[in-house]
Structures are given as C-alpha cells and as structure tokens.
PDB file of N, CA and C in Angstrom:
ATOM      1  N   MET A   1       0.831  -1.171  -0.021  1.00  0.00           N
ATOM      2  CA  MET A   1       0.030   0.032   0.062  1.00  0.00           C
ATOM      3  C   MET A   1       0.915   1.130  -0.105  1.00  0.00           C
ATOM      4  N   GLU A   2       0.470   2.116  -0.671  1.00  0.00           N
ATOM      5  CA  GLU A   2       1.455   3.541  -0.850  1.00  0.00           C
ATOM      6  C   GLU A   2       0.567   4.762  -0.392  1.00  0.00           C
ATOM      7  N   ALA A   3       1.087   5.610   0.157  1.00  0.00           N
ATOM      8  CA  ALA A   3       0.555   6.707   0.603  1.00  0.00           C
ATOM      9  C   ALA A   3       1.127   8.008  -0.123  1.00  0.00           C
ATOM     10  N   VAL A   4       0.545   8.792  -0.473  1.00  0.00           N
ATOM     11  CA  VAL A   4       1.169   9.995  -1.148  1.00  0.00           C
ATOM     12  C   VAL A   4       0.985  11.440  -0.694  1.00  0.00           C
ATOM     13  N   ALA A   5       1.780  12.348  -0.485  1.00  0.00           N
ATOM     14  CA  ALA A   5       1.474  13.507  -0.145  1.00  0.00           C
ATOM     15  C   ALA A   5       2.449  14.642  -1.246  1.00  0.00           C
ATOM     16  N   ARG A   6       1.728  15.721  -1.397  1.00  0.00           N
ATOM     17  CA  ARG A   6       2.134  16.642  -2.404  1.00  0.00           C
ATOM     18  C   ARG A   6       2.290  17.989  -1.561  1.00  0.00           C
ATOM     19  N   LEU A   7       3.413  18.901  -2.091  1.00  0.00           N
ATOM     20  CA  LEU A   7       3.359  20.360  -1.617  1.00  0.00           C
ATOM     21  C   LEU A   7       3.699  20.965  -3.032  1.00  0.00           C
ATOM     22  N   SER A   8       2.760  21.993  -3.136  1.00  0.00           N
ATOM     23  CA  SER A   8       2.982  22.724  -4.443  1.00  0.00           C
ATOM     24  C   SER A   8       3.402  24.182  -4.209  1.00  0.00           C
ATOM     25  N   TYR A   9       3.753  24.810  -5.209  1.00  0.00           N
ATOM     26  CA  TYR A   9       4.108  26.204  -5.217  1.00  0.00           C
ATOM     27  C   TYR A   9       4.800  26.492  -3.918  1.00  0.00           C
ATOM     28  N   VAL A  10       6.086  26.020  -3.731  1.00  0.00           N
ATOM     29  CA  VAL A  10       6.916  26.234  -2.455  1.00  0.00           C
ATOM     30  C   VAL A  10       7.901  27.258  -3.114  1.00  0.00           C
ATOM     31  N   ARG A  11       8.023  28.560  -2.360  1.00  0.00           N
ATOM     32  CA  ARG A  11       9.068  29.422  -2.727  1.00  0.00           C
ATOM     33  C   ARG A  11      10.388  29.107  -2.381  1.00  0.00           C
ATOM     34  N   LEU A  12      10.731  28.238  -3.232  1.00  0.00           N
ATOM     35  CA  LEU A  12      12.201  27.562  -2.815  1.00  0.00           C
ATOM     36  C   LEU A  12      12.649  27.082  -4.196  1.00  0.00           C
ATOM     37  N   SER A  13      13.908  27.407  -4.671  1.00  0.00           N
ATOM     38  CA  SER A  13      14.359  26.880  -6.076  1.00  0.00           C
ATOM     39  C   SER A  13      14.273  25.360  -5.924  1.00  0.00           C
ATOM     40  N   PRO A  14      14.021  24.588  -7.059  1.00  0.00           N
ATOM     41  CA  PRO A  14      14.104  23.255  -7.162  1.00  0.00           C
ATOM     42  C   PRO A  14      15.495  22.708  -6.833  1.00  0.00           C
ATOM     43  N   GLN A  15      16.383  23.456  -7.447  1.00  0.00           N
ATOM     44  CA  GLN A  15      17.997  22.917  -6.879  1.00  0.00           C
ATOM     45  C   GLN A  15      18.406  22.796  -5.598  1.00  0.00           C
ATOM     46  N   LYS A  16      17.790  23.947  -4.851  1.00  0.00           N
ATOM     47  CA  LYS A  16      18.021  23.779  -3.403  1.00  0.00           C
ATOM     48  C   LYS A  16      17.338  22.722  -2.701  1.00  0.00           C
ATOM     49  N   SER A  17      16.055  22.534  -3.029  1.00  0.00           N
ATOM     50  CA  SER A  17      15.309  21.372  -2.655  1.00  0.00           C
ATOM     51  C   SER A  17      15.728  20.038  -2.927  1.00  0.00           C
ATOM     52  N   ARG A  18      16.264  19.744  -4.176  1.00  0.00           N
ATOM     53  CA  ARG A  18      16.702  18.657  -4.369  1.00  0.00           C
ATOM     54  C   ARG A  18      17.858  17.974  -3.806  1.00  0.00           C
ATOM     55  N   LEU A  19      18.856  19.122  -3.163  1.00  0.00           N
ATOM     56  CA  LEU A  19      19.974  18.776  -2.443  1.00  0.00           C
ATOM     57  C   LEU A  19      19.341  18.167  -1.033  1.00  0.00           C
ATOM     58  N   VAL A  20      18.313  18.403  -0.436  1.00  0.00           N
ATOM     59  CA  VAL A  20      17.747  17.923   0.748  1.00  0.00           C
ATOM     60  C   VAL A  20      17.055  16.548   0.445  1.00  0.00           C
ATOM     61  N   VAL A  21      16.256  16.567  -0.501  1.00  0.00           N
ATOM     62  CA  VAL A  21      15.477  15.485  -1.042  1.00  0.00           C
ATOM     63  C   VAL A  21      16.463  14.269  -1.295  1.00  0.00           C
ATOM     64  N   ASP A  22      17.672  14.537  -1.846  1.00  0.00           N
ATOM     65  CA  ASP A  22      18.412  13.192  -2.208  1.00  0.00           C
ATOM     66  C   ASP A  22      18.990  12.608  -0.775  1.00  0.00           C
ATOM     67  N   LEU A  23      18.976  13.364   0.135  1.00  0.00           N
ATOM     68  CA  LEU A  23      19.378  12.951   1.392  1.00  0.00           C
ATOM     69  C   LEU A  23      18.493  11.743   1.992  1.00  0.00           C
ATOM     70  N   VAL A  24      17.276  11.637   1.837  1.00  0.00           N
ATOM     71  CA  VAL A  24      16.173  10.906   2.268  1.00  0.00           C
ATOM     72  C   VAL A  24      15.672   9.795   1.264  1.00  0.00           C
ATOM     73  N   ARG A  25      15.906   9.886   0.101  1.00  0.00           N
ATOM     74  CA  ARG A  25      15.209   8.964  -0.603  1.00  0.00           C
ATOM     75  C   ARG A  25      15.926   7.555  -0.621  1.00  0.00           C
ATOM     76  N   GLY A  26      14.623   6.697  -0.555  1.00  0.00           N
ATOM     77  CA  GLY A  26      15.101   5.270  -0.068  1.00  0.00           C
ATOM     78  C   GLY A  26      15.132   4.950   1.341  1.00  0.00           C
ATOM     79  N   LYS A  27      15.261   5.966   2.202  1.00  0.00           N
ATOM     80  CA  LYS A  27      15.364   5.505   3.623  1.00  0.00           C
ATOM     81  C   LYS A  27      14.106   5.322   4.238  1.00  0.00           C
ATOM     82  N   GLY A  28      14.286   4.908   5.484  1.00  0.00           N
ATOM     83  CA  GLY A  28      12.937   4.526   6.326  1.00  0.00           C
ATOM     84  C   GLY A  28      12.381   5.938   6.795  1.00  0.00           C
ATOM     85  N   VAL A  29      11.213   5.661   7.180  1.00  0.00           N
ATOM     86  CA  VAL A  29      10.474   7.081   7.592  1.00  0.00           C
ATOM     87  C   VAL A  29      11.107   7.581   8.917  1.00  0.00           C
ATOM     88  N   GLN A  30      11.505   6.786   9.805  1.00  0.00           N
ATOM     89  CA  GLN A  30      12.023   7.419  10.804  1.00  0.00           C
ATOM     90  C   GLN A  30      13.360   8.014  10.754  1.00  0.00           C
ATOM     91  N   GLU A  31      14.084   7.364   9.993  1.00  0.00           N
ATOM     92  CA  GLU A  31      15.530   7.634   9.718  1.00  0.00           C
ATOM     93  C   GLU A  31      15.594   9.089   8.891  1.00  0.00           C
ATOM     94  N   SER A  32      14.761   9.245   8.052  1.00  0.00           N
ATOM     95  CA  SER A  32      14.598  10.259   7.239  1.00  0.00           C
ATOM     96  C   SER A  32      14.157  11.620   7.921  1.00  0.00           C
ATOM     97  N   LEU A  33      13.012  11.289   8.895  1.00  0.00           N
ATOM     98  CA  LEU A  33      12.627  12.422   9.824  1.00  0.00           C
ATOM     99  C   LEU A  33      13.812  12.796  10.566  1.00  0.00           C
ATOM    100  N   ASN A  34      14.771  11.696  11.397  1.00  0.00           N
ATOM    101  CA  ASN A  34      16.008  12.245  11.882  1.00  0.00           C
ATOM    102  C   ASN A  34      16.858  13.160  11.120  1.00  0.00           C
ATOM    103  N   ILE A  35      17.080  12.736   9.805  1.00  0.00           N
ATOM    104  CA  ILE A  35      18.156  13.356   9.043  1.00  0.00           C
ATOM    105  C   ILE A  35      17.624  14.715   8.683  1.00  0.00           C
ATOM    106  N   LEU A  36      16.300  14.835   8.576  1.00  0.00           N
ATOM    107  CA  LEU A  36      15.667  16.281   8.085  1.00  0.00           C
ATOM    108  C   LEU A  36      15.694  17.439   9.427  1.00  0.00           C
ATOM    109  N   LYS A  37      15.584  16.550  10.475  1.00  0.00           N
ATOM    110  CA  LYS A  37      15.342  17.215  11.740  1.00  0.00           C
ATOM    111  C   LYS A  37      16.610  18.236  12.087  1.00  0.00           C
ATOM    112  N   PHE A  38      17.925  17.609  11.684  1.00  0.00           N
ATOM    113  CA  PHE A  38      19.163  18.135  12.153  1.00  0.00           C
ATOM    114  C   PHE A  38      19.816  18.728  10.877  1.00  0.00           C
ATOM    115  N   SER A  39      19.178  18.727   9.752  1.00  0.00           N
ATOM    116  CA  SER A  39      19.576  19.473   8.610  1.00  0.00           C
ATOM    117  C   SER A  39      19.309  21.009   8.425  1.00  0.00           C
ATOM    118  N   PRO A  40      20.114  21.859   8.417  1.00  0.00           N
ATOM    119  CA  PRO A  40      20.099  23.265   8.504  1.00  0.00           C
ATOM    120  C   PRO A  40      19.243  24.035   7.459  1.00  0.00           C
ATOM    121  N   ASN A  41      18.976  23.559   6.470  1.00  0.00           N
ATOM    122  CA  ASN A  41      18.430  24.128   5.442  1.00  0.00           C
ATOM    123  C   ASN A  41      16.773  24.293   5.310  1.00  0.00           C
ATOM    124  N   LYS A  42      16.251  25.296   4.642  1.00  0.00           N
ATOM    125  CA  LYS A  42      14.815  25.732   4.767  1.00  0.00           C
ATOM    126  C   LYS A  42      14.069  24.429   4.239  1.00  0.00           C
ATOM    127  N   ALA A  43      14.526  23.743   3.322  1.00  0.00           N
ATOM    128  CA  ALA A  43      13.893  22.699   2.629  1.00  0.00           C
ATOM    129  C   ALA A  43      13.585  21.541   3.496  1.00  0.00           C
ATOM    130  N   ALA A  44      14.507  21.252   4.405  1.00  0.00           N
ATOM    131  CA  ALA A  44      14.253  20.291   5.427  1.00  0.00           C
ATOM    132  C   ALA A  44      13.330  20.389   6.226  1.00  0.00           C
ATOM    133  N   SER A  45      12.903  21.505   6.902  1.00  0.00           N
ATOM    134  CA  SER A  45      11.550  21.421   7.476  1.00  0.00           C
ATOM    135  C   SER A  45      10.357  21.295   6.705  1.00  0.00           C
ATOM    136  N   LEU A  46      10.390  21.652   5.416  1.00  0.00           N
ATOM    137  CA  LEU A  46       9.262  21.587   4.650  1.00  0.00           C
ATOM    138  C   LEU A  46       8.952  20.113   4.267  1.00  0.00           C
ATOM    139  N   VAL A  47      10.350  19.561   3.709  1.00  0.00           N
ATOM    140  CA  VAL A  47      10.143  18.197   3.466  1.00  0.00           C
ATOM    141  C   VAL A  47       9.749  17.210   4.832  1.00  0.00           C
ATOM    142  N   SER A  48      10.194  17.613   5.919  1.00  0.00           N
ATOM    143  CA  SER A  48       9.783  16.938   6.987  1.00  0.00           C
ATOM    144  C   SER A  48       8.262  17.039   7.403  1.00  0.00           C
ATOM    145  N   LYS A  49       7.907  18.128   7.258  1.00  0.00           N
ATOM    146  CA  LYS A  49       6.372  18.071   7.276  1.00  0.00           C
ATOM    147  C   LYS A  49       5.675  17.430   6.299  1.00  0.00           C
ATOM    148  N   LEU A  50       6.094  17.289   5.254  1.00  0.00           N
ATOM    149  CA  LEU A  50       5.409  16.526   4.022  1.00  0.00           C
ATOM    150  C   LEU A  50       5.530  14.965   4.294  1.00  0.00           C
ATOM    151  N   VAL A  51       6.914  14.568   4.710  1.00  0.00           N
ATOM    152  CA  VAL A  51       6.819  13.085   5.150  1.00  0.00           C
ATOM    153  C   VAL A  51       5.980  12.635   5.965  1.00  0.00           C
ATOM    154  N   SER A  52       5.635  13.646   7.377  1.00  0.00           N
ATOM    155  CA  SER A  52       4.860  13.580   8.323  1.00  0.00           C
ATOM    156  C   SER A  52       3.340  13.481   7.784  1.00  0.00           C
ATOM    157  N   SER A  53       3.156  14.110   6.806  1.00  0.00           N
ATOM    158  CA  SER A  53       1.848  14.169   6.236  1.00  0.00           C
ATOM    159  C   SER A  53       1.680  12.928   5.554  1.00  0.00           C
ATOM    160  N   ALA A  54       2.667  12.416   4.848  1.00  0.00           N
ATOM    161  CA  ALA A  54       2.341  11.166   4.130  1.00  0.00           C
ATOM    162  C   ALA A  54       2.278  10.181   4.902  1.00  0.00           C
ATOM    163  N   VAL A  55       2.775  10.027   5.946  1.00  0.00           N
ATOM    164  CA  VAL A  55       2.635   9.207   7.171  1.00  0.00           C
ATOM    165  C   VAL A  55       1.229   9.147   7.746  1.00  0.00           C
ATOM    166  N   ALA A  56       0.582  10.409   7.837  1.00  0.00           N
ATOM    167  CA  ALA A  56      -0.641  10.284   8.441  1.00  0.00           C
ATOM    168  C   ALA A  56      -1.687  10.036   7.340  1.00  0.00           C
ATOM    169  N   ASN A  57      -1.327  10.149   5.871  1.00  0.00           N
ATOM    170  CA  ASN A  57      -2.189   9.640   4.974  1.00  0.00           C
ATOM    171  C   ASN A  57      -2.095   8.192   4.947  1.00  0.00           C
ATOM    172  N   ALA A  58      -0.925   7.437   5.111  1.00  0.00           N
ATOM    173  CA  ALA A  58      -0.961   5.996   5.316  1.00  0.00           C
ATOM    174  C   ALA A  58      -1.700   5.348   6.353  1.00  0.00           C
ATOM    175  N   GLU A  59      -1.748   6.183   7.600  1.00  0.00           N
ATOM    176  CA  GLU A  59      -2.513   5.768   8.575  1.00  0.00           C
ATOM    177  C   GLU A  59      -4.116   5.678   8.273  1.00  0.00           C
ATOM    178  N   GLN A  60      -4.462   6.827   7.446  1.00  0.00           N
ATOM    179  CA  GLN A  60      -5.711   6.914   7.068  1.00  0.00           C
ATOM    180  C   GLN A  60      -6.068   5.744   6.309  1.00  0.00           C
ATOM    181  N   LYS A  61      -5.175   5.547   5.397  1.00  0.00           N
ATOM    182  CA  LYS A  61      -5.475   4.345   4.435  1.00  0.00           C
ATOM    183  C   LYS A  61      -5.588   3.041   5.041  1.00  0.00           C
ATOM    184  N   GLY A  62      -5.060   2.722   5.975  1.00  0.00           N
ATOM    185  CA  GLY A  62      -5.135   1.519   7.063  1.00  0.00           C
ATOM    186  C   GLY A  62      -3.810   0.859   6.868  1.00  0.00           C
ATOM    187  N   VAL A  63      -2.779   1.404   6.939  1.00  0.00           N
ATOM    188  CA  VAL A  63      -1.423   0.613   6.959  1.00  0.00           C
ATOM    189  C   VAL A  63      -1.233   0.229   8.330  1.00  0.00           C
ATOM    190  N   LYS A  64      -1.174  -1.167   8.493  1.00  0.00           N
ATOM    191  CA  LYS A  64      -0.860  -1.887   9.777  1.00  0.00           C
ATOM    192  C   LYS A  64       0.267  -1.247  10.652  1.00  0.00           C
ATOM    193  N   ASP A  65       1.379  -1.173   9.848  1.00  0.00           N
ATOM    194  CA  ASP A  65       2.554  -1.146  10.733  1.00  0.00           C
ATOM    195  C   ASP A  65       3.234   0.227   9.925  1.00  0.00           C
ATOM    196  N   VAL A  66       3.230   1.304  10.803  1.00  0.00           N
ATOM    197  CA  VAL A  66       3.741   2.527  10.187  1.00  0.00           C
ATOM    198  C   VAL A  66       5.492   2.405  10.177  1.00  0.00           C
ATOM    199  N   ASP A  67       5.982   1.724  11.121  1.00  0.00           N
ATOM    200  CA  ASP A  67       7.289   1.685  11.302  1.00  0.00           C
ATOM    201  C   ASP A  67       8.072   0.907  10.083  1.00  0.00           C
ATOM    202  N   ARG A  68       7.217   0.299   9.234  1.00  0.00           N
ATOM    203  CA  ARG A  68       7.747  -0.518   8.178  1.00  0.00           C
ATOM    204  C   ARG A  68       7.711   0.333   6.887  1.00  0.00           C
ATOM    205  N   LEU A  69       7.501   1.702   7.146  1.00  0.00           N
ATOM    206  CA  LEU A  69       7.218   2.448   5.783  1.00  0.00           C
ATOM    207  C   LEU A  69       8.589   3.124   5.471  1.00  0.00           C
ATOM    208  N   PHE A  70       8.856   3.248   4.177  1.00  0.00           N
ATOM    209  CA  PHE A  70       9.993   3.740   3.684  1.00  0.00           C
ATOM    210  C   PHE A  70       9.635   4.860   2.518  1.00  0.00           C
ATOM    211  N   VAL A  71      10.581   5.794   2.103  1.00  0.00           N
ATOM    212  CA  VAL A  71      10.341   6.628   1.237  1.00  0.00           C
ATOM    213  C   VAL A  71      10.746   5.943   0.052  1.00  0.00           C
ATOM    214  N   LYS A  72       9.565   5.582  -0.848  1.00  0.00           N
ATOM    215  CA  LYS A  72       9.895   4.976  -2.115  1.00  0.00           C
ATOM    216  C   LYS A  72      10.260   5.924  -3.156  1.00  0.00           C
ATOM    217  N   GLU A  73       9.533   6.999  -3.371  1.00  0.00           N
ATOM    218  CA  GLU A  73       9.884   8.200  -4.423  1.00  0.00           C
ATOM    219  C   GLU A  73       9.634   9.293  -3.720  1.00  0.00           C
ATOM    220  N   ILE A  74      10.604  10.103  -4.106  1.00  0.00           N
ATOM    221  CA  ILE A  74      10.413  11.560  -3.673  1.00  0.00           C
ATOM    222  C   ILE A  74      11.139  12.622  -4.810  1.00  0.00           C
ATOM    223  N   THR A  75      10.237  13.258  -5.412  1.00  0.00           N
ATOM    224  CA  THR A  75      10.659  14.129  -6.476  1.00  0.00           C
ATOM    225  C   THR A  75      10.559  15.458  -6.352  1.00  0.00           C
ATOM    226  N   VAL A  76      11.315  16.316  -6.762  1.00  0.00           N
ATOM    227  CA  VAL A  76      11.041  17.918  -6.878  1.00  0.00           C
ATOM    228  C   VAL A  76      10.851  18.301  -8.113  1.00  0.00           C
ATOM    229  N   ASP A  77      10.052  19.042  -8.566  1.00  0.00           N
ATOM    230  CA  ASP A  77       9.779  19.546  -9.914  1.00  0.00           C
ATOM    231  C   ASP A  77       9.602  21.025  -9.943  1.00  0.00           C
ATOM    232  N   GLY A  78      10.103  21.643 -11.201  1.00  0.00           N
ATOM    233  CA  GLY A  78       9.972  23.092 -10.763  1.00  0.00           C
ATOM    234  C   GLY A  78       8.566  23.654 -11.297  1.00  0.00           C
ATOM    235  N   GLY A  79       8.217  24.797 -10.452  1.00  0.00           N
ATOM    236  CA  GLY A  79       6.832  25.431 -10.611  1.00  0.00           C
ATOM    237  C   GLY A  79       7.278  26.759 -11.618  1.00  0.00           C
ATOM    238  N   PRO A  80       5.964  27.318 -11.372  1.00  0.00           N
ATOM    239  CA  PRO A  80       6.251  28.638 -12.261  1.00  0.00           C
ATOM    240  C   PRO A  80       7.342  29.637 -11.429  1.00  0.00           C
ATOM    241  N   VAL A  81       7.827  30.506 -12.298  1.00  0.00           N
ATOM    242  CA  VAL A  81       8.963  31.304 -11.900  1.00  0.00           C
ATOM    243  C   VAL A  81       7.972  32.894 -11.810  1.00  0.00           C
ATOM    244  N   LEU A  82       8.121  33.347 -10.486  1.00  0.00           N
ATOM    245  CA  LEU A  82       7.748  34.667 -10.398  1.00  0.00           C
ATOM    246  C   LEU A  82       8.759  35.688 -10.901  1.00  0.00           C
ATOM    247  N   ARG A  83       8.600  36.705 -11.788  1.00  0.00           N
ATOM    248  CA  ARG A  83       9.467  37.487 -12.360  1.00  0.00           C
ATOM    249  C   ARG A  83       9.216  38.689 -11.561  1.00  0.00           C
ATOM    250  N   ARG A  84      10.266  39.594 -11.194  1.00  0.00           N
ATOM    251  CA  ARG A  84      10.229  40.845 -10.763  1.00  0.00           C
ATOM    252  C   ARG A  84      11.121  41.843 -11.333  1.00  0.00           C
ATOM    253  N   PHE A  85      11.073  42.888 -11.244  1.00  0.00           N
ATOM    254  CA  PHE A  85      12.126  43.890 -11.865  1.00  0.00           C
ATOM    255  C   PHE A  85      12.583  44.829 -10.819  1.00  0.00           C
ATOM    256  N   MET A  86      13.719  45.335 -10.743  1.00  0.00           N
ATOM    257  CA  MET A  86      14.355  45.869  -9.715  1.00  0.00           C
ATOM    258  C   MET A  86      15.062  47.482 -10.656  1.00  0.00           C
ATOM    259  N   PRO A  87      14.805  48.453 -10.284  1.00  0.00           N
ATOM    260  CA  PRO A  87      15.281  49.619 -11.131  1.00  0.00           C
ATOM    261  C   PRO A  87      16.765  49.659 -10.819  1.00  0.00           C
ATOM    262  N   ARG A  88      17.466  50.046 -11.796  1.00  0.00           N
ATOM    263  CA  ARG A  88      18.961  50.283 -11.723  1.00  0.00           C
ATOM    264  C   ARG A  88      19.325  51.644 -12.286  1.00  0.00           C
ATOM    265  N   ALA A  89      20.484  51.735 -12.333  1.00  0.00           N
ATOM    266  CA  ALA A  89      21.036  53.129 -12.558  1.00  0.00           C
ATOM    267  C   ALA A  89      20.791  53.479 -14.061  1.00  0.00           C
ATOM    268  N   GLN A  90      20.538  54.741 -14.435  1.00  0.00           N
ATOM    269  CA  GLN A  90      20.464  55.111 -15.931  1.00  0.00           C
ATOM    270  C   GLN A  90      19.223  54.692 -16.623  1.00  0.00           C
ATOM    271  N   GLY A  91      18.191  54.450 -15.695  1.00  0.00           N
ATOM    272  CA  GLY A  91      16.990  54.068 -16.330  1.00  0.00           C
ATOM    273  C   GLY A  91      16.885  52.514 -16.898  1.00  0.00           C
ATOM    274  N   ARG A  92      17.942  51.711 -16.405  1.00  0.00           N
ATOM    275  CA  ARG A  92      17.805  50.318 -16.730  1.00  0.00           C
ATOM    276  C   ARG A  92      16.925  49.335 -15.567  1.00  0.00           C
ATOM    277  N   ALA A  93      16.862  48.323 -16.001  1.00  0.00           N
ATOM    278  CA  ALA A  93      16.194  47.600 -14.928  1.00  0.00           C
ATOM    279  C   ALA A  93      16.606  46.142 -14.930  1.00  0.00           C
ATOM    280  N   ASN A  94      16.776  45.472 -13.710  1.00  0.00           N
ATOM    281  CA  ASN A  94      17.342  44.133 -13.740  1.00  0.00           C
ATOM    282  C   ASN A  94      16.128  43.137 -13.394  1.00  0.00           C
ATOM    283  N   ARG A  95      16.210  42.021 -14.057  1.00  0.00           N
ATOM    284  CA  ARG A  95      15.170  41.037 -13.737  1.00  0.00           C
ATOM    285  C   ARG A  95      15.597  40.299 -12.415  1.00  0.00           C
ATOM    286  N   ILE A  96      14.589  39.950 -11.731  1.00  0.00           N
ATOM    287  CA  ILE A  96      14.829  39.172 -10.517  1.00  0.00           C
ATOM    288  C   ILE A  96      13.877  37.789 -10.788  1.00  0.00           C
ATOM    289  N   ARG A  97      14.405  36.649 -10.765  1.00  0.00           N
ATOM    290  CA  ARG A  97      13.557  35.276 -10.575  1.00  0.00           C
ATOM    291  C   ARG A  97      13.473  34.801  -9.251  1.00  0.00           C
ATOM    292  N   LYS A  98      12.189  34.642  -9.060  1.00  0.00           N
ATOM    293  CA  LYS A  98      11.768  33.895  -7.771  1.00  0.00           C
ATOM    294  C   LYS A  98      11.101  32.476  -7.975  1.00  0.00           C
ATOM    295  N   PRO A  99      11.976  31.456  -7.934  1.00  0.00           N
ATOM    296  CA  PRO A  99      11.710  30.165  -8.488  1.00  0.00           C
ATOM    297  C   PRO A  99      10.532  29.642  -7.518  1.00  0.00           C
ATOM    298  N   THR A 100       9.679  28.822  -7.937  1.00  0.00           N
ATOM    299  CA  THR A 100       8.941  27.810  -7.018  1.00  0.00           C
ATOM    300  C   THR A 100       9.164  26.550  -7.484  1.00  0.00           C
ATOM    301  N   SER A 101       8.773  25.570  -6.477  1.00  0.00           N
ATOM    302  CA  SER A 101       8.717  23.974  -6.672  1.00  0.00           C
ATOM    303  C   SER A 101       7.717  23.435  -6.279  1.00  0.00           C
ATOM    304  N   HIS A 102       7.506  22.112  -6.860  1.00  0.00           N
ATOM    305  CA  HIS A 102       6.654  21.091  -6.392  1.00  0.00           C
ATOM    306  C   HIS A 102       7.306  19.884  -5.867  1.00  0.00           C
ATOM    307  N   ILE A 103       6.995  19.670  -4.598  1.00  0.00           N
ATOM    308  CA  ILE A 103       7.526  18.309  -4.153  1.00  0.00           C
ATOM    309  C   ILE A 103       6.578  17.179  -3.641  1.00  0.00           C
ATOM    310  N   LYS A 104       6.601  16.062  -4.311  1.00  0.00           N
ATOM    311  CA  LYS A 104       5.829  14.933  -4.132  1.00  0.00           C
ATOM    312  C   LYS A 104       6.652  13.726  -3.423  1.00  0.00           C
ATOM    313  N   VAL A 105       5.925  13.109  -2.303  1.00  0.00           N
ATOM    314  CA  VAL A 105       6.736  12.103  -1.601  1.00  0.00           C
ATOM    315  C   VAL A 105       5.657  10.904  -1.749  1.00  0.00           C
ATOM    316  N   VAL A 106       6.166   9.542  -2.107  1.00  0.00           N
ATOM    317  CA  VAL A 106       5.460   8.404  -2.041  1.00  0.00           C
ATOM    318  C   VAL A 106       6.119   7.475  -0.928  1.00  0.00           C
ATOM    319  N   LEU A 107       5.396   7.003  -0.057  1.00  0.00           N
ATOM    320  CA  LEU A 107       5.812   6.062   0.817  1.00  0.00           C
ATOM    321  C   LEU A 107       5.167   4.876   0.615  1.00  0.00           C
ATOM    322  N   ALA A 108       5.837   3.553   0.838  1.00  0.00           N
ATOM    323  CA  ALA A 108       5.584   2.352   0.774  1.00  0.00           C
ATOM    324  C   ALA A 108       6.008   1.420   1.840  1.00  0.00           C
ATOM    325  N   GLU A 109       5.133   0.326   2.066  1.00  0.00           N
ATOM    326  CA  GLU A 109       5.727  -0.660   3.133  1.00  0.00           C
ATOM    327  C   GLU A 109       6.732  -1.592   2.494  1.00  0.00           C
ATOM    328  N   LYS A 110       7.730  -1.935   3.449  1.00  0.00           N
ATOM    329  CA  LYS A 110       8.807  -2.813   3.159  1.00  0.00           C
ATOM    330  C   LYS A 110       8.268  -4.276   2.986  1.00  0.00           C
TER     331      LYS A 110
END
C-alpha cells in the first residue's frame, strides 16, 4: 500500500530542494525524519512536514505497521517562476527571478 503527499508552489528553488530530498530517498521514515530534523536548510523543515503528512495519509488508508514505511519515491519539479524587476542606474532594470517548486513524496511498506 502506498501513501502520497504533495506540496505545491513552494517558494524555494528546485535545485536547493533537490539537495535535501536526495538525503532521504530510499530511507525509512523514522531515519529520514531524523536526518531532516538536524539539517539546517529551509527545505528540510518543509520536507519533514511533508513526510509526516504522508505518514498520516498512510494511517488513514489503513497501513498496519507505520514503522515499516520507507520513502519509495520523492521528487522535486520546477513550478512557475515569479518575475520581478528592480530599477537600476540610468533607467535600466534588472530581472529578479523567484522560482517555485513542487515536491511529491510516495511512501510504501517494506
């Protein structure tokens, strides 16, 4: 039985999110939560909440033993990019890109 959780339009670049996501891919739920707890990145707290949400979804689906769950699949996809402009000298303007990302977690039983 698989449990899925998604987080969309996170104001964090996909590149930075993937660094954290790669740490927990394929690991058990408890181990991945411990890794994320002590990681200093902003994405770590978001992914930690997402994994906890996926565990709650698994309990709702009727998984017997939550301790046997592991992170089967975790992906980060790019979302829309917010484009802003900052005025510069002599009438010019610089583009500021504010990327977003979509994170998906799939948990499965061993």
